[in-house]
PDB file of all heavy atoms in Angstrom:
ATOM      1  N   ILE A   1      89.887  65.853  84.286  1.00  0.00           N
ATOM      2  CA  ILE A   1      90.036  65.859  85.751  1.00  0.00           C
ATOM      3  C   ILE A   1      91.077  66.805  86.206  1.00  0.00           C
ATOM      4  O   ILE A   1      90.951  67.523  87.107  1.00  0.00           O
ATOM      5  CB  ILE A   1      90.377  64.394  86.217  1.00  0.00           C
ATOM      6  CG1 ILE A   1      89.132  63.521  85.991  1.00  0.00           C
ATOM      7  CG2 ILE A   1      90.737  64.375  87.684  1.00  0.00           C
ATOM      8  CD1 ILE A   1      89.387  62.034  86.205  1.00  0.00           C
ATOM      9  N   LEU A   2      92.271  66.808  85.529  1.00  0.00           N
ATOM     10  CA  LEU A   2      93.324  67.731  85.869  1.00  0.00           C
ATOM     11  C   LEU A   2      92.948  69.184  85.605  1.00  0.00           C
ATOM     12  O   LEU A   2      93.172  70.039  86.511  1.00  0.00           O
ATOM     13  CB  LEU A   2      94.534  67.424  84.994  1.00  0.00           C
ATOM     14  CG  LEU A   2      95.258  66.107  85.233  1.00  0.00           C
ATOM     15  CD1 LEU A   2      96.437  65.976  84.202  1.00  0.00           C
ATOM     16  CD2 LEU A   2      95.766  65.998  86.622  1.00  0.00           C
ATOM     17  N   CYS A   3      92.189  69.415  84.579  1.00  0.00           N
ATOM     18  CA  CYS A   3      91.656  70.777  84.301  1.00  0.00           C
ATOM     19  C   CYS A   3      90.690  71.296  85.373  1.00  0.00           C
ATOM     20  O   CYS A   3      90.824  72.378  85.851  1.00  0.00           O
ATOM     21  CB  CYS A   3      91.080  70.838  82.920  1.00  0.00           C
ATOM     22  SG  CYS A   3      90.495  72.445  82.424  1.00  0.00           S
ATOM     23  N   SER A   4      89.735  70.423  85.762  1.00  0.00           N
ATOM     24  CA  SER A   4      88.789  70.790  86.773  1.00  0.00           C
ATOM     25  C   SER A   4      89.464  71.064  88.126  1.00  0.00           C
ATOM     26  O   SER A   4      89.132  71.964  88.845  1.00  0.00           O
ATOM     27  CB  SER A   4      87.763  69.707  86.832  1.00  0.00           C
ATOM     28  OG  SER A   4      88.252  68.511  87.268  1.00  0.00           O
ATOM     29  N   ALA A   5      90.447  70.193  88.470  1.00  0.00           N
ATOM     30  CA  ALA A   5      91.140  70.377  89.765  1.00  0.00           C
ATOM     31  C   ALA A   5      91.871  71.685  89.778  1.00  0.00           C
ATOM     32  O   ALA A   5      91.880  72.460  90.801  1.00  0.00           O
ATOM     33  CB  ALA A   5      92.144  69.220  89.989  1.00  0.00           C
ATOM     34  N   ARG A   6      92.489  72.057  88.695  1.00  0.00           N
ATOM     35  CA  ARG A   6      93.217  73.367  88.610  1.00  0.00           C
ATOM     36  C   ARG A   6      92.246  74.503  88.663  1.00  0.00           C
ATOM     37  O   ARG A   6      92.508  75.539  89.295  1.00  0.00           O
ATOM     38  CB  ARG A   6      94.075  73.426  87.381  1.00  0.00           C
ATOM     39  CG  ARG A   6      94.897  74.691  87.207  1.00  0.00           C
ATOM     40  CD  ARG A   6      95.983  74.747  88.186  1.00  0.00           C
ATOM     41  NE  ARG A   6      96.783  75.952  88.012  1.00  0.00           N
ATOM     42  CZ  ARG A   6      96.463  77.145  88.496  1.00  0.00           C
ATOM     43  NH1 ARG A   6      95.326  77.343  89.132  1.00  0.00           N
ATOM     44  NH2 ARG A   6      97.232  78.198  88.264  1.00  0.00           N
ATOM     45  N   ALA A   7      91.105  74.339  87.984  1.00  0.00           N
ATOM     46  CA  ALA A   7      90.144  75.510  87.927  1.00  0.00           C
ATOM     47  C   ALA A   7      89.517  75.718  89.282  1.00  0.00           C
ATOM     48  O   ALA A   7      89.261  76.885  89.612  1.00  0.00           O
ATOM     49  CB  ALA A   7      89.071  75.149  86.853  1.00  0.00           C
ATOM     50  N   LEU A   8      89.203  74.694  89.970  1.00  0.00           N
ATOM     51  CA  LEU A   8      88.569  74.907  91.301  1.00  0.00           C
ATOM     52  C   LEU A   8      89.408  75.659  92.293  1.00  0.00           C
ATOM     53  O   LEU A   8      88.846  76.479  93.073  1.00  0.00           O
ATOM     54  CB  LEU A   8      88.222  73.483  91.931  1.00  0.00           C
ATOM     55  CG  LEU A   8      87.044  72.743  91.229  1.00  0.00           C
ATOM     56  CD1 LEU A   8      86.958  71.351  91.836  1.00  0.00           C
ATOM     57  CD2 LEU A   8      85.737  73.367  91.483  1.00  0.00           C
ATOM     58  N   GLY A   9      90.698  75.480  92.227  1.00  0.00           N
ATOM     59  CA  GLY A   9      91.542  76.173  93.185  1.00  0.00           C
ATOM     60  C   GLY A   9      92.255  77.439  92.653  1.00  0.00           C
ATOM     61  O   GLY A   9      93.136  77.949  93.375  1.00  0.00           O
ATOM     62  N   GLU A  10      91.965  77.930  91.461  1.00  0.00           N
ATOM     63  CA  GLU A  10      92.568  79.097  90.911  1.00  0.00           C
ATOM     64  C   GLU A  10      92.316  80.275  91.789  1.00  0.00           C
ATOM     65  O   GLU A  10      91.263  80.646  92.165  1.00  0.00           O
ATOM     66  CB  GLU A  10      92.085  79.352  89.509  1.00  0.00           C
ATOM     67  CG  GLU A  10      92.602  80.586  88.888  1.00  0.00           C
ATOM     68  CD  GLU A  10      94.104  80.823  88.978  1.00  0.00           C
ATOM     69  OE1 GLU A  10      94.839  79.769  88.990  1.00  0.00           O
ATOM     70  OE2 GLU A  10      94.562  81.917  89.060  1.00  0.00           O
ATOM     71  N   PHE A  11      93.418  81.024  92.079  1.00  0.00           N
ATOM     72  CA  PHE A  11      93.312  82.214  92.945  1.00  0.00           C
ATOM     73  C   PHE A  11      93.935  83.443  92.217  1.00  0.00           C
ATOM     74  O   PHE A  11      93.244  84.489  92.214  1.00  0.00           O
ATOM     75  CB  PHE A  11      94.108  81.951  94.229  1.00  0.00           C
ATOM     76  CG  PHE A  11      94.022  83.069  95.207  1.00  0.00           C
ATOM     77  CD1 PHE A  11      93.009  83.248  96.057  1.00  0.00           C
ATOM     78  CD2 PHE A  11      95.062  84.012  95.219  1.00  0.00           C
ATOM     79  CE1 PHE A  11      92.919  84.369  96.915  1.00  0.00           C
ATOM     80  CE2 PHE A  11      95.082  85.095  96.070  1.00  0.00           C
ATOM     81  CZ  PHE A  11      93.975  85.258  96.935  1.00  0.00           C
ATOM     82  N   GLY A  12      95.187  83.345  91.746  1.00  0.00           N
ATOM     83  CA  GLY A  12      95.850  84.585  91.307  1.00  0.00           C
ATOM     84  C   GLY A  12      95.227  85.334  90.265  1.00  0.00           C
ATOM     85  O   GLY A  12      94.925  86.565  90.397  1.00  0.00           O
ATOM     86  N   ALA A  13      94.925  84.723  89.054  1.00  0.00           N
ATOM     87  CA  ALA A  13      94.338  85.459  87.949  1.00  0.00           C
ATOM     88  C   ALA A  13      92.948  85.887  88.303  1.00  0.00           C
ATOM     89  O   ALA A  13      92.521  87.050  88.000  1.00  0.00           O
ATOM     90  CB  ALA A  13      94.311  84.535  86.730  1.00  0.00           C
ATOM     91  N   VAL A  14      92.131  85.127  88.961  1.00  0.00           N
ATOM     92  CA  VAL A  14      90.789  85.413  89.327  1.00  0.00           C
ATOM     93  C   VAL A  14      90.794  86.515  90.338  1.00  0.00           C
ATOM     94  O   VAL A  14      89.906  87.421  90.276  1.00  0.00           O
ATOM     95  CB  VAL A  14      90.040  84.185  89.895  1.00  0.00           C
ATOM     96  CG1 VAL A  14      88.703  84.555  90.462  1.00  0.00           C
ATOM     97  CG2 VAL A  14      89.910  83.139  88.874  1.00  0.00           C
ATOM     98  N   SER A  15      91.749  86.602  91.239  1.00  0.00           N
ATOM     99  CA  SER A  15      91.827  87.629  92.226  1.00  0.00           C
ATOM    100  C   SER A  15      92.005  89.021  91.514  1.00  0.00           C
ATOM    101  O   SER A  15      91.428  90.029  92.028  1.00  0.00           O
ATOM    102  CB  SER A  15      93.046  87.370  93.204  1.00  0.00           C
ATOM    103  OG  SER A  15      93.149  88.485  94.074  1.00  0.00           O
ATOM    104  N   VAL A  16      92.731  89.029  90.430  1.00  0.00           N
ATOM    105  CA  VAL A  16      92.962  90.330  89.760  1.00  0.00           C
ATOM    106  C   VAL A  16      91.711  90.819  89.034  1.00  0.00           C
ATOM    107  O   VAL A  16      91.331  91.998  89.045  1.00  0.00           O
ATOM    108  CB  VAL A  16      94.161  90.181  88.775  1.00  0.00           C
ATOM    109  CG1 VAL A  16      94.361  91.461  87.964  1.00  0.00           C
ATOM    110  CG2 VAL A  16      95.441  89.888  89.541  1.00  0.00           C
ATOM    111  N   VAL A  17      90.995  89.888  88.348  1.00  0.00           N
ATOM    112  CA  VAL A  17      89.901  90.327  87.448  1.00  0.00           C
ATOM    113  C   VAL A  17      88.571  90.357  88.164  1.00  0.00           C
ATOM    114  O   VAL A  17      87.598  90.870  87.588  1.00  0.00           O
ATOM    115  CB  VAL A  17      89.804  89.401  86.226  1.00  0.00           C
ATOM    116  CG1 VAL A  17      91.102  89.358  85.459  1.00  0.00           C
ATOM    117  CG2 VAL A  17      89.420  87.914  86.695  1.00  0.00           C
ATOM    118  N   SER A  18      88.480  89.819  89.384  1.00  0.00           N
ATOM    119  CA  SER A  18      87.165  89.720  90.037  1.00  0.00           C
ATOM    120  C   SER A  18      86.804  90.956  90.829  1.00  0.00           C
ATOM    121  O   SER A  18      85.588  91.281  91.009  1.00  0.00           O
ATOM    122  CB  SER A  18      87.212  88.551  90.973  1.00  0.00           C
ATOM    123  OG  SER A  18      88.096  88.756  92.110  1.00  0.00           O
ATOM    124  N   GLY A  19      87.757  91.708  91.316  1.00  0.00           N
ATOM    125  CA  GLY A  19      87.440  92.897  92.129  1.00  0.00           C
ATOM    126  C   GLY A  19      87.136  92.560  93.577  1.00  0.00           C
ATOM    127  O   GLY A  19      86.837  93.428  94.361  1.00  0.00           O
ATOM    128  N   HIS A  20      87.112  91.282  93.988  1.00  0.00           N
ATOM    129  CA  HIS A  20      86.825  90.884  95.325  1.00  0.00           C
ATOM    130  C   HIS A  20      85.542  91.443  95.875  1.00  0.00           C
ATOM    131  O   HIS A  20      85.477  91.912  96.980  1.00  0.00           O
ATOM    132  CB  HIS A  20      88.007  91.349  96.243  1.00  0.00           C
ATOM    133  CG  HIS A  20      89.269  90.560  96.170  1.00  0.00           C
ATOM    134  ND1 HIS A  20      89.627  89.549  97.001  1.00  0.00           N
ATOM    135  CD2 HIS A  20      90.250  90.605  95.177  1.00  0.00           C
ATOM    136  CE1 HIS A  20      90.799  89.098  96.593  1.00  0.00           C
ATOM    137  NE2 HIS A  20      91.203  89.619  95.434  1.00  0.00           N
ATOM    138  N   ILE A  21      84.463  91.389  95.072  1.00  0.00           N
ATOM    139  CA  ILE A  21      83.168  91.851  95.556  1.00  0.00           C
ATOM    140  C   ILE A  21      82.531  90.668  96.176  1.00  0.00           C
ATOM    141  O   ILE A  21      82.078  89.757  95.562  1.00  0.00           O
ATOM    142  CB  ILE A  21      82.342  92.321  94.340  1.00  0.00           C
ATOM    143  CG1 ILE A  21      83.080  93.412  93.563  1.00  0.00           C
ATOM    144  CG2 ILE A  21      81.001  92.869  94.860  1.00  0.00           C
ATOM    145  CD1 ILE A  21      82.391  93.870  92.327  1.00  0.00           C
ATOM    146  N   ASN A  22      82.535  90.696  97.564  1.00  0.00           N
ATOM    147  CA  ASN A  22      82.057  89.499  98.309  1.00  0.00           C
ATOM    148  C   ASN A  22      80.563  89.338  98.076  1.00  0.00           C
ATOM    149  O   ASN A  22      79.711  90.264  98.124  1.00  0.00           O
ATOM    150  CB  ASN A  22      82.289  89.775  99.810  1.00  0.00           C
ATOM    151  CG  ASN A  22      82.299  88.454 100.544  1.00  0.00           C
ATOM    152  OD1 ASN A  22      82.660  87.391 100.024  1.00  0.00           O
ATOM    153  ND2 ASN A  22      81.794  88.472 101.842  1.00  0.00           N
ATOM    154  N   GLY A  23      80.150  88.084  97.776  1.00  0.00           N
ATOM    155  CA  GLY A  23      78.797  87.786  97.484  1.00  0.00           C
ATOM    156  C   GLY A  23      78.433  87.891  95.999  1.00  0.00           C
ATOM    157  O   GLY A  23      77.386  87.556  95.582  1.00  0.00           O
ATOM    158  N   LYS A  24      79.367  88.442  95.234  1.00  0.00           N
ATOM    159  CA  LYS A  24      79.078  88.652  93.805  1.00  0.00           C
ATOM    160  C   LYS A  24      80.191  88.095  92.888  1.00  0.00           C
ATOM    161  O   LYS A  24      79.886  87.326  91.979  1.00  0.00           O
ATOM    162  CB  LYS A  24      78.881  90.170  93.472  1.00  0.00           C
ATOM    163  CG  LYS A  24      77.639  90.744  94.093  1.00  0.00           C
ATOM    164  CD  LYS A  24      77.421  92.145  93.706  1.00  0.00           C
ATOM    165  CE  LYS A  24      76.212  92.700  94.256  1.00  0.00           C
ATOM    166  NZ  LYS A  24      75.933  94.166  93.843  1.00  0.00           N
ATOM    167  N   THR A  25      81.429  88.488  93.135  1.00  0.00           N
ATOM    168  CA  THR A  25      82.502  88.003  92.240  1.00  0.00           C
ATOM    169  C   THR A  25      83.585  87.264  92.974  1.00  0.00           C
ATOM    170  O   THR A  25      84.691  87.066  92.471  1.00  0.00           O
ATOM    171  CB  THR A  25      83.147  89.267  91.516  1.00  0.00           C
ATOM    172  OG1 THR A  25      83.685  90.059  92.516  1.00  0.00           O
ATOM    173  CG2 THR A  25      82.139  90.017  90.686  1.00  0.00           C
ATOM    174  N   CYS A  26      83.373  86.860  94.175  1.00  0.00           N
ATOM    175  CA  CYS A  26      84.300  86.074  94.972  1.00  0.00           C
ATOM    176  C   CYS A  26      84.055  84.581  94.730  1.00  0.00           C
ATOM    177  O   CYS A  26      83.005  84.057  95.022  1.00  0.00           O
ATOM    178  CB  CYS A  26      84.196  86.359  96.476  1.00  0.00           C
ATOM    179  SG  CYS A  26      85.110  87.755  96.969  1.00  0.00           S
ATOM    180  N   THR A  27      85.116  83.912  94.175  1.00  0.00           N
ATOM    181  CA  THR A  27      85.024  82.441  94.159  1.00  0.00           C
ATOM    182  C   THR A  27      85.414  81.866  95.522  1.00  0.00           C
ATOM    183  O   THR A  27      85.671  82.621  96.429  1.00  0.00           O
ATOM    184  CB  THR A  27      86.015  81.858  93.063  1.00  0.00           C
ATOM    185  OG1 THR A  27      87.329  82.423  93.397  1.00  0.00           O
ATOM    186  CG2 THR A  27      85.630  82.462  91.713  1.00  0.00           C
ATOM    187  N   LEU A  28      85.371  80.592  95.603  1.00  0.00           N
ATOM    188  CA  LEU A  28      85.612  79.907  96.930  1.00  0.00           C
ATOM    189  C   LEU A  28      87.031  80.224  97.471  1.00  0.00           C
ATOM    190  O   LEU A  28      87.100  80.595  98.643  1.00  0.00           O
ATOM    191  CB  LEU A  28      85.378  78.415  96.813  1.00  0.00           C
ATOM    192  CG  LEU A  28      85.326  77.672  98.132  1.00  0.00           C
ATOM    193  CD1 LEU A  28      84.341  78.277  99.099  1.00  0.00           C
ATOM    194  CD2 LEU A  28      85.015  76.196  97.885  1.00  0.00           C
ATOM    195  N   PRO A  29      88.054  80.154  96.656  1.00  0.00           N
ATOM    196  CA  PRO A  29      89.387  80.549  97.222  1.00  0.00           C
ATOM    197  C   PRO A  29      89.453  82.008  97.700  1.00  0.00           C
ATOM    198  O   PRO A  29      90.048  82.332  98.719  1.00  0.00           O
ATOM    199  CB  PRO A  29      90.395  80.300  96.021  1.00  0.00           C
ATOM    200  CG  PRO A  29      89.681  79.295  95.215  1.00  0.00           C
ATOM    201  CD  PRO A  29      88.199  79.565  95.296  1.00  0.00           C
ATOM    202  N   LEU A  30      88.816  82.945  96.869  1.00  0.00           N
ATOM    203  CA  LEU A  30      88.766  84.317  97.335  1.00  0.00           C
ATOM    204  C   LEU A  30      87.978  84.511  98.595  1.00  0.00           C
ATOM    205  O   LEU A  30      88.265  85.374  99.430  1.00  0.00           O
ATOM    206  CB  LEU A  30      88.210  85.216  96.250  1.00  0.00           C
ATOM    207  CG  LEU A  30      89.020  85.188  94.921  1.00  0.00           C
ATOM    208  CD1 LEU A  30      88.387  86.154  93.890  1.00  0.00           C
ATOM    209  CD2 LEU A  30      90.439  85.552  95.197  1.00  0.00           C
ATOM    210  N   HIS A  31      86.854  83.773  98.691  1.00  0.00           N
ATOM    211  CA  HIS A  31      86.030  83.841  99.874  1.00  0.00           C
ATOM    212  C   HIS A  31      86.771  83.369 101.163  1.00  0.00           C
ATOM    213  O   HIS A  31      86.596  83.958 102.193  1.00  0.00           O
ATOM    214  CB  HIS A  31      84.766  83.027  99.689  1.00  0.00           C
ATOM    215  CG  HIS A  31      83.774  83.132 100.818  1.00  0.00           C
ATOM    216  ND1 HIS A  31      83.156  84.273 101.238  1.00  0.00           N
ATOM    217  CD2 HIS A  31      83.345  82.166 101.720  1.00  0.00           C
ATOM    218  CE1 HIS A  31      82.402  84.068 102.224  1.00  0.00           C
ATOM    219  NE2 HIS A  31      82.454  82.792 102.567  1.00  0.00           N
ATOM    220  N   ILE A  32      87.596  82.396 100.943  1.00  0.00           N
ATOM    221  CA  ILE A  32      88.411  81.835 102.095  1.00  0.00           C
ATOM    222  C   ILE A  32      89.374  82.974 102.522  1.00  0.00           C
ATOM    223  O   ILE A  32      89.565  83.205 103.746  1.00  0.00           O
ATOM    224  CB  ILE A  32      89.153  80.643 101.629  1.00  0.00           C
ATOM    225  CG1 ILE A  32      88.195  79.465 101.410  1.00  0.00           C
ATOM    226  CG2 ILE A  32      90.189  80.217 102.752  1.00  0.00           C
ATOM    227  CD1 ILE A  32      88.866  78.232 100.803  1.00  0.00           C
ATOM    228  N   GLU A  33      89.987  83.700 101.536  1.00  0.00           N
ATOM    229  CA  GLU A  33      90.915  84.753 101.964  1.00  0.00           C
ATOM    230  C   GLU A  33      90.115  85.855 102.659  1.00  0.00           C
ATOM    231  O   GLU A  33      90.635  86.442 103.676  1.00  0.00           O
ATOM    232  CB  GLU A  33      91.509  85.349 100.644  1.00  0.00           C
ATOM    233  CG  GLU A  33      92.539  86.435 100.979  1.00  0.00           C
ATOM    234  CD  GLU A  33      92.900  87.288  99.770  1.00  0.00           C
ATOM    235  OE1 GLU A  33      92.001  87.457  98.889  1.00  0.00           O
ATOM    236  OE2 GLU A  33      94.011  87.736  99.708  1.00  0.00           O
ATOM    237  N   TYR A  34      88.913  86.222 102.198  1.00  0.00           N
ATOM    238  CA  TYR A  34      88.096  87.219 102.877  1.00  0.00           C
ATOM    239  C   TYR A  34      87.831  86.854 104.236  1.00  0.00           C
ATOM    240  O   TYR A  34      87.911  87.629 105.211  1.00  0.00           O
ATOM    241  CB  TYR A  34      86.808  87.418 102.019  1.00  0.00           C
ATOM    242  CG  TYR A  34      85.827  88.284 102.787  1.00  0.00           C
ATOM    243  CD1 TYR A  34      85.931  89.642 102.662  1.00  0.00           C
ATOM    244  CD2 TYR A  34      84.757  87.707 103.456  1.00  0.00           C
ATOM    245  CE1 TYR A  34      85.013  90.489 103.333  1.00  0.00           C
ATOM    246  CE2 TYR A  34      83.785  88.531 104.099  1.00  0.00           C
ATOM    247  CZ  TYR A  34      83.937  89.898 104.050  1.00  0.00           C
ATOM    248  OH  TYR A  34      83.042  90.659 104.696  1.00  0.00           O
ATOM    249  N   LEU A  35      87.409  85.579 104.499  1.00  0.00           N
ATOM    250  CA  LEU A  35      87.076  85.131 105.836  1.00  0.00           C
ATOM    251  C   LEU A  35      88.314  85.152 106.773  1.00  0.00           C
ATOM    252  O   LEU A  35      88.251  85.552 107.900  1.00  0.00           O
ATOM    253  CB  LEU A  35      86.470  83.731 105.824  1.00  0.00           C
ATOM    254  CG  LEU A  35      85.114  83.588 105.135  1.00  0.00           C
ATOM    255  CD1 LEU A  35      84.795  82.076 104.995  1.00  0.00           C
ATOM    256  CD2 LEU A  35      84.046  84.291 105.926  1.00  0.00           C
ATOM    257  N   TYR A  36      89.457  84.766 106.258  1.00  0.00           N
ATOM    258  CA  TYR A  36      90.698  84.716 107.007  1.00  0.00           C
ATOM    259  C   TYR A  36      91.084  86.147 107.434  1.00  0.00           C
ATOM    260  O   TYR A  36      91.495  86.423 108.552  1.00  0.00           O
ATOM    261  CB  TYR A  36      91.715  83.979 106.309  1.00  0.00           C
ATOM    262  CG  TYR A  36      93.002  83.766 107.116  1.00  0.00           C
ATOM    263  CD1 TYR A  36      93.103  82.697 107.999  1.00  0.00           C
ATOM    264  CD2 TYR A  36      94.085  84.611 106.967  1.00  0.00           C
ATOM    265  CE1 TYR A  36      94.183  82.491 108.688  1.00  0.00           C
ATOM    266  CE2 TYR A  36      95.253  84.427 107.713  1.00  0.00           C
ATOM    267  CZ  TYR A  36      95.301  83.343 108.625  1.00  0.00           C
ATOM    268  OH  TYR A  36      96.444  83.145 109.322  1.00  0.00           O
ATOM    269  N   ASP A  37      91.007  87.032 106.422  1.00  0.00           N
ATOM    270  CA  ASP A  37      91.432  88.481 106.714  1.00  0.00           C
ATOM    271  C   ASP A  37      90.495  89.104 107.714  1.00  0.00           C
ATOM    272  O   ASP A  37      90.922  90.103 108.406  1.00  0.00           O
ATOM    273  CB  ASP A  37      91.417  89.280 105.395  1.00  0.00           C
ATOM    274  CG  ASP A  37      92.570  88.856 104.467  1.00  0.00           C
ATOM    275  OD1 ASP A  37      93.487  88.161 104.974  1.00  0.00           O
ATOM    276  OD2 ASP A  37      92.484  89.165 103.300  1.00  0.00           O
ATOM    277  N   ASN A  38      89.283  88.645 107.844  1.00  0.00           N
ATOM    278  CA  ASN A  38      88.335  89.169 108.782  1.00  0.00           C
ATOM    279  C   ASN A  38      88.171  88.392 110.040  1.00  0.00           C
ATOM    280  O   ASN A  38      87.187  88.517 110.761  1.00  0.00           O
ATOM    281  CB  ASN A  38      86.956  89.384 108.106  1.00  0.00           C
ATOM    282  CG  ASN A  38      86.917  90.471 107.129  1.00  0.00           C
ATOM    283  OD1 ASN A  38      86.639  91.627 107.453  1.00  0.00           O
ATOM    284  ND2 ASN A  38      87.151  90.181 105.785  1.00  0.00           N
ATOM    285  N   TYR A  39      89.163  87.521 110.291  1.00  0.00           N
ATOM    286  CA  TYR A  39      89.299  86.744 111.524  1.00  0.00           C
ATOM    287  C   TYR A  39      88.116  85.777 111.743  1.00  0.00           C
ATOM    288  O   TYR A  39      87.817  85.437 112.868  1.00  0.00           O
ATOM    289  CB  TYR A  39      89.473  87.665 112.756  1.00  0.00           C
ATOM    290  CG  TYR A  39      90.632  88.593 112.591  1.00  0.00           C
ATOM    291  CD1 TYR A  39      90.459  89.915 112.217  1.00  0.00           C
ATOM    292  CD2 TYR A  39      91.904  88.107 112.854  1.00  0.00           C
ATOM    293  CE1 TYR A  39      91.537  90.775 112.016  1.00  0.00           C
ATOM    294  CE2 TYR A  39      93.028  89.017 112.688  1.00  0.00           C
ATOM    295  CZ  TYR A  39      92.840  90.332 112.319  1.00  0.00           C
ATOM    296  OH  TYR A  39      93.926  91.143 112.144  1.00  0.00           O
ATOM    297  N   GLN A  40      87.487  85.372 110.684  1.00  0.00           N
ATOM    298  CA  GLN A  40      86.463  84.326 110.758  1.00  0.00           C
ATOM    299  C   GLN A  40      87.136  82.995 110.446  1.00  0.00           C
ATOM    300  O   GLN A  40      86.873  82.377 109.467  1.00  0.00           O
ATOM    301  CB  GLN A  40      85.300  84.661 109.820  1.00  0.00           C
ATOM    302  CG  GLN A  40      84.647  85.992 110.061  1.00  0.00           C
ATOM    303  CD  GLN A  40      83.560  86.241 109.065  1.00  0.00           C
ATOM    304  OE1 GLN A  40      82.710  85.405 108.738  1.00  0.00           O
ATOM    305  NE2 GLN A  40      83.419  87.540 108.582  1.00  0.00           N
ATOM    306  N   LEU A  41      87.950  82.571 111.378  1.00  0.00           N
ATOM    307  CA  LEU A  41      88.838  81.424 111.162  1.00  0.00           C
ATOM    308  C   LEU A  41      88.065  80.143 110.937  1.00  0.00           C
ATOM    309  O   LEU A  41      88.401  79.336 110.141  1.00  0.00           O
ATOM    310  CB  LEU A  41      89.835  81.334 112.266  1.00  0.00           C
ATOM    311  CG  LEU A  41      90.768  82.589 112.486  1.00  0.00           C
ATOM    312  CD1 LEU A  41      91.807  82.275 113.534  1.00  0.00           C
ATOM    313  CD2 LEU A  41      91.477  82.947 111.174  1.00  0.00           C
ATOM    314  N   SER A  42      87.041  79.943 111.796  1.00  0.00           N
ATOM    315  CA  SER A  42      86.295  78.662 111.696  1.00  0.00           C
ATOM    316  C   SER A  42      85.699  78.516 110.357  1.00  0.00           C
ATOM    317  O   SER A  42      85.738  77.464 109.688  1.00  0.00           O
ATOM    318  CB  SER A  42      85.236  78.602 112.808  1.00  0.00           C
ATOM    319  OG  SER A  42      84.431  77.423 112.693  1.00  0.00           O
ATOM    320  N   ALA A  43      84.989  79.586 109.903  1.00  0.00           N
ATOM    321  CA  ALA A  43      84.361  79.508 108.528  1.00  0.00           C
ATOM    322  C   ALA A  43      85.422  79.423 107.448  1.00  0.00           C
ATOM    323  O   ALA A  43      85.229  78.666 106.432  1.00  0.00           O
ATOM    324  CB  ALA A  43      83.511  80.772 108.331  1.00  0.00           C
TER     325      ALA A  43
END
């Protein structure tokens, strides 16, 4: 349970290795950052 909770919210390491390719290599935390940076605050 602890491992899964940490994995679901991981951002830093995944951000470096993923390349931020939206729709392909963006996990949910990275997708949230993408939406926020593009002023899609509701989403």
